[in-house]
Amino acid sequence: MTRPQRPRLTLKIMFYAIFDVVGMVFLASGALWFARGQSLFIPDFPGTMVGALASIIGGFLLMLWAAAQILRELIKRPDNVVEEGK
């Protein structure tokens, strides 16, 4: 029994992963502002309730887009195909 090959980390996947992390930071910044009224990393960002809500929504959408792109890249790789019968 052969194990399927691990997907290879490419520059494109790493690029999308960076966007995923940025989305997580935006989401966490907005959520922390709602929970405690303070900033996460950048002083005075977000500074208002509208900014915090925009940060949460934007971060979530950025994370969703980046994760979809990573999955798309992993699915279309020909080296991830496992041949039947072997």
N, C-alpha and C. Protein backbone atom coordinates (compact mmCIF):
# COMPACT_ATOMS: atom_id res chain seq x y z
N MET A 1 0.84 -1.18 0.00
CA MET A 1 0.00 0.00 0.00
C MET A 1 0.89 1.25 0.00
N THR A 2 0.67 2.10 -0.97
CA THR A 2 1.47 3.32 -1.07
C THR A 2 0.71 4.50 -0.47
N ARG A 3 1.48 5.36 0.15
CA ARG A 3 0.89 6.56 0.72
C ARG A 3 0.84 7.65 -0.34
N PRO A 4 -0.21 8.44 -0.34
CA PRO A 4 -0.25 9.54 -1.31
C PRO A 4 0.85 10.56 -1.01
N GLN A 5 1.35 11.15 -2.07
CA GLN A 5 2.40 12.15 -1.91
C GLN A 5 1.86 13.40 -1.24
N ARG A 6 2.73 14.04 -0.46
CA ARG A 6 2.35 15.31 0.15
C ARG A 6 2.34 16.38 -0.93
N PRO A 7 1.42 17.32 -0.81
CA PRO A 7 1.43 18.43 -1.78
C PRO A 7 2.67 19.29 -1.57
N ARG A 8 3.20 19.79 -2.65
CA ARG A 8 4.40 20.63 -2.57
C ARG A 8 4.02 22.07 -2.31
N LEU A 9 4.79 22.71 -1.46
CA LEU A 9 4.59 24.12 -1.17
C LEU A 9 5.24 24.94 -2.27
N THR A 10 4.42 25.69 -2.97
CA THR A 10 4.92 26.53 -4.05
C THR A 10 4.88 27.99 -3.61
N LEU A 11 5.48 28.83 -4.42
CA LEU A 11 5.50 30.26 -4.14
C LEU A 11 4.09 30.84 -4.18
N LYS A 12 3.28 30.33 -5.09
CA LYS A 12 1.91 30.81 -5.21
C LYS A 12 1.09 30.46 -3.96
N ILE A 13 1.24 29.25 -3.46
CA ILE A 13 0.53 28.84 -2.25
C ILE A 13 1.01 29.66 -1.05
N MET A 14 2.29 29.92 -0.98
CA MET A 14 2.82 30.74 0.11
C MET A 14 2.28 32.17 0.04
N PHE A 15 2.13 32.69 -1.15
CA PHE A 15 1.56 34.02 -1.36
C PHE A 15 0.13 34.07 -0.83
N TYR A 16 -0.68 33.08 -1.15
CA TYR A 16 -2.05 33.03 -0.65
C TYR A 16 -2.08 32.82 0.86
N ALA A 17 -1.14 32.08 1.40
CA ALA A 17 -1.08 31.87 2.85
C ALA A 17 -0.80 33.18 3.58
N ILE A 18 0.02 34.04 2.98
CA ILE A 18 0.28 35.35 3.59
C ILE A 18 -1.00 36.18 3.63
N PHE A 19 -1.78 36.14 2.56
CA PHE A 19 -3.06 36.84 2.57
C PHE A 19 -4.00 36.26 3.61
N ASP A 20 -3.95 34.96 3.81
CA ASP A 20 -4.77 34.31 4.83
C ASP A 20 -4.40 34.82 6.23
N VAL A 21 -3.12 34.96 6.49
CA VAL A 21 -2.66 35.46 7.79
C VAL A 21 -3.07 36.92 7.98
N VAL A 22 -2.97 37.73 6.93
CA VAL A 22 -3.39 39.13 7.02
C VAL A 22 -4.89 39.20 7.33
N GLY A 23 -5.68 38.34 6.71
CA GLY A 23 -7.10 38.30 7.00
C GLY A 23 -7.37 37.91 8.44
N MET A 24 -6.59 36.97 8.97
CA MET A 24 -6.75 36.58 10.37
C MET A 24 -6.44 37.74 11.31
N VAL A 25 -5.41 38.51 10.98
CA VAL A 25 -5.04 39.66 11.82
C VAL A 25 -6.14 40.72 11.79
N PHE A 26 -6.71 40.98 10.61
CA PHE A 26 -7.81 41.95 10.52
C PHE A 26 -9.01 41.47 11.32
N LEU A 27 -9.35 40.21 11.18
CA LEU A 27 -10.48 39.65 11.92
C LEU A 27 -10.24 39.74 13.43
N ALA A 28 -9.06 39.38 13.87
CA ALA A 28 -8.73 39.43 15.29
C ALA A 28 -8.71 40.87 15.80
N SER A 29 -8.24 41.80 14.99
CA SER A 29 -8.21 43.21 15.41
C SER A 29 -9.62 43.74 15.63
N GLY A 30 -10.50 43.46 14.70
CA GLY A 30 -11.89 43.91 14.86
C GLY A 30 -12.58 43.24 16.03
N ALA A 31 -12.35 41.95 16.20
CA ALA A 31 -12.98 41.23 17.30
C ALA A 31 -12.47 41.71 18.65
N LEU A 32 -11.18 41.98 18.75
CA LEU A 32 -10.62 42.47 20.01
C LEU A 32 -11.15 43.87 20.33
N TRP A 33 -11.35 44.68 19.31
CA TRP A 33 -11.91 46.01 19.56
C TRP A 33 -13.32 45.89 20.11
N PHE A 34 -14.13 44.96 19.56
CA PHE A 34 -15.47 44.76 20.09
C PHE A 34 -15.44 44.19 21.50
N ALA A 35 -14.53 43.29 21.78
CA ALA A 35 -14.48 42.63 23.09
C ALA A 35 -13.93 43.54 24.18
N ARG A 36 -12.87 44.27 23.89
CA ARG A 36 -12.20 45.06 24.93
C ARG A 36 -12.06 46.54 24.62
N GLY A 37 -12.35 46.93 23.40
CA GLY A 37 -12.21 48.34 23.04
C GLY A 37 -10.77 48.78 22.85
N GLN A 38 -9.87 47.84 22.57
CA GLN A 38 -8.47 48.19 22.36
C GLN A 38 -7.95 47.58 21.06
N SER A 39 -6.84 48.10 20.60
CA SER A 39 -6.24 47.64 19.35
C SER A 39 -5.40 46.40 19.57
N LEU A 40 -5.18 45.66 18.51
CA LEU A 40 -4.36 44.45 18.60
C LEU A 40 -2.89 44.80 18.39
N PHE A 41 -2.51 45.25 17.20
CA PHE A 41 -1.12 45.59 16.88
C PHE A 41 -0.93 47.07 16.58
N ILE A 42 -1.76 47.58 15.70
CA ILE A 42 -1.62 48.95 15.22
C ILE A 42 -2.43 49.88 16.14
N PRO A 43 -1.81 50.89 16.73
CA PRO A 43 -2.54 51.80 17.61
C PRO A 43 -3.69 52.50 16.86
N ASP A 44 -4.83 52.57 17.50
CA ASP A 44 -6.04 53.22 16.96
C ASP A 44 -6.56 52.59 15.68
N PHE A 45 -6.28 51.31 15.45
CA PHE A 45 -6.91 50.59 14.34
C PHE A 45 -7.55 49.34 14.89
N PRO A 46 -8.78 49.14 14.74
CA PRO A 46 -9.80 50.09 14.30
C PRO A 46 -10.15 51.05 15.42
N GLY A 47 -10.59 52.22 15.04
CA GLY A 47 -10.86 53.24 16.04
C GLY A 47 -12.33 53.42 16.36
N THR A 48 -13.19 52.92 15.50
CA THR A 48 -14.63 53.08 15.70
C THR A 48 -15.32 51.74 15.55
N MET A 49 -16.59 51.71 15.90
CA MET A 49 -17.37 50.48 15.75
C MET A 49 -17.52 50.10 14.28
N VAL A 50 -17.70 51.10 13.43
CA VAL A 50 -17.82 50.84 11.99
C VAL A 50 -16.50 50.28 11.45
N GLY A 51 -15.40 50.84 11.89
CA GLY A 51 -14.09 50.34 11.47
C GLY A 51 -13.84 48.91 11.94
N ALA A 52 -14.28 48.61 13.16
CA ALA A 52 -14.12 47.26 13.69
C ALA A 52 -14.97 46.27 12.91
N LEU A 53 -16.20 46.67 12.59
CA LEU A 53 -17.07 45.80 11.81
C LEU A 53 -16.51 45.58 10.41
N ALA A 54 -16.00 46.64 9.80
CA ALA A 54 -15.38 46.52 8.47
C ALA A 54 -14.14 45.64 8.53
N SER A 55 -13.39 45.74 9.60
CA SER A 55 -12.20 44.91 9.78
C SER A 55 -12.57 43.44 9.91
N ILE A 56 -13.62 43.15 10.65
CA ILE A 56 -14.07 41.77 10.82
C ILE A 56 -14.56 41.20 9.50
N ILE A 57 -15.40 41.95 8.81
CA ILE A 57 -15.96 41.46 7.53
C ILE A 57 -14.86 41.33 6.49
N GLY A 58 -14.00 42.35 6.37
CA GLY A 58 -12.91 42.30 5.40
C GLY A 58 -11.94 41.17 5.69
N GLY A 59 -11.60 40.98 6.96
CA GLY A 59 -10.70 39.90 7.34
C GLY A 59 -11.29 38.54 7.03
N PHE A 60 -12.59 38.37 7.32
CA PHE A 60 -13.25 37.09 7.03
C PHE A 60 -13.27 36.81 5.53
N LEU A 61 -13.61 37.82 4.75
CA LEU A 61 -13.65 37.63 3.30
C LEU A 61 -12.27 37.35 2.72
N LEU A 62 -11.26 38.03 3.23
CA LEU A 62 -9.89 37.80 2.76
C LEU A 62 -9.43 36.38 3.11
N MET A 63 -9.76 35.93 4.32
CA MET A 63 -9.42 34.56 4.72
C MET A 63 -10.14 33.54 3.84
N LEU A 64 -11.41 33.77 3.59
CA LEU A 64 -12.20 32.85 2.76
C LEU A 64 -11.63 32.78 1.34
N TRP A 65 -11.31 33.94 0.77
CA TRP A 65 -10.75 33.96 -0.59
C TRP A 65 -9.40 33.25 -0.64
N ALA A 66 -8.53 33.54 0.33
CA ALA A 66 -7.19 32.95 0.33
C ALA A 66 -7.27 31.43 0.52
N ALA A 67 -8.13 30.97 1.41
CA ALA A 67 -8.27 29.53 1.62
C ALA A 67 -8.80 28.83 0.37
N ALA A 68 -9.74 29.48 -0.32
CA ALA A 68 -10.26 28.91 -1.57
C ALA A 68 -9.17 28.83 -2.63
N GLN A 69 -8.32 29.85 -2.71
CA GLN A 69 -7.24 29.84 -3.69
C GLN A 69 -6.20 28.76 -3.38
N ILE A 70 -5.91 28.58 -2.10
CA ILE A 70 -4.97 27.53 -1.70
C ILE A 70 -5.52 26.16 -2.08
N LEU A 71 -6.79 25.92 -1.77
CA LEU A 71 -7.40 24.64 -2.14
C LEU A 71 -7.43 24.44 -3.64
N ARG A 72 -7.71 25.52 -4.38
CA ARG A 72 -7.72 25.43 -5.84
C ARG A 72 -6.34 25.04 -6.38
N GLU A 73 -5.30 25.64 -5.81
CA GLU A 73 -3.94 25.31 -6.24
C GLU A 73 -3.59 23.86 -5.90
N LEU A 74 -4.01 23.40 -4.74
CA LEU A 74 -3.69 22.02 -4.35
C LEU A 74 -4.45 21.01 -5.19
N ILE A 75 -5.68 21.33 -5.57
CA ILE A 75 -6.48 20.40 -6.37
C ILE A 75 -5.96 20.30 -7.80
N LYS A 76 -5.51 21.41 -8.38
CA LYS A 76 -5.10 21.37 -9.78
C LYS A 76 -3.69 20.84 -10.01
N ARG A 77 -2.96 20.55 -8.97
CA ARG A 77 -1.60 20.02 -9.10
C ARG A 77 -1.64 18.59 -9.64
N PRO A 78 -0.94 18.31 -10.74
CA PRO A 78 -0.95 16.95 -11.28
C PRO A 78 -0.16 15.96 -10.42
N ASP A 79 0.77 16.44 -9.58
CA ASP A 79 1.56 15.52 -8.78
C ASP A 79 0.80 15.01 -7.55
N ASN A 80 -0.43 15.50 -7.34
CA ASN A 80 -1.24 15.04 -6.22
C ASN A 80 -2.16 13.89 -6.62
N VAL A 81 -2.16 13.53 -7.90
CA VAL A 81 -3.04 12.47 -8.37
C VAL A 81 -2.46 11.12 -8.00
N VAL A 82 -3.26 10.29 -7.37
CA VAL A 82 -2.84 8.94 -7.01
C VAL A 82 -3.38 7.99 -8.07
N GLU A 83 -2.47 7.23 -8.66
CA GLU A 83 -2.88 6.30 -9.70
C GLU A 83 -3.54 5.08 -9.08
N GLU A 84 -4.63 4.66 -9.68
CA GLU A 84 -5.33 3.48 -9.18
C GLU A 84 -4.60 2.23 -9.68
N GLY A 85 -4.65 1.19 -8.87
CA GLY A 85 -4.03 -0.07 -9.25
C GLY A 85 -2.60 -0.21 -8.83
N LYS A 86 -2.04 0.78 -8.20
CA LYS A 86 -0.66 0.69 -7.76
C LYS A 86 -0.58 0.65 -6.27
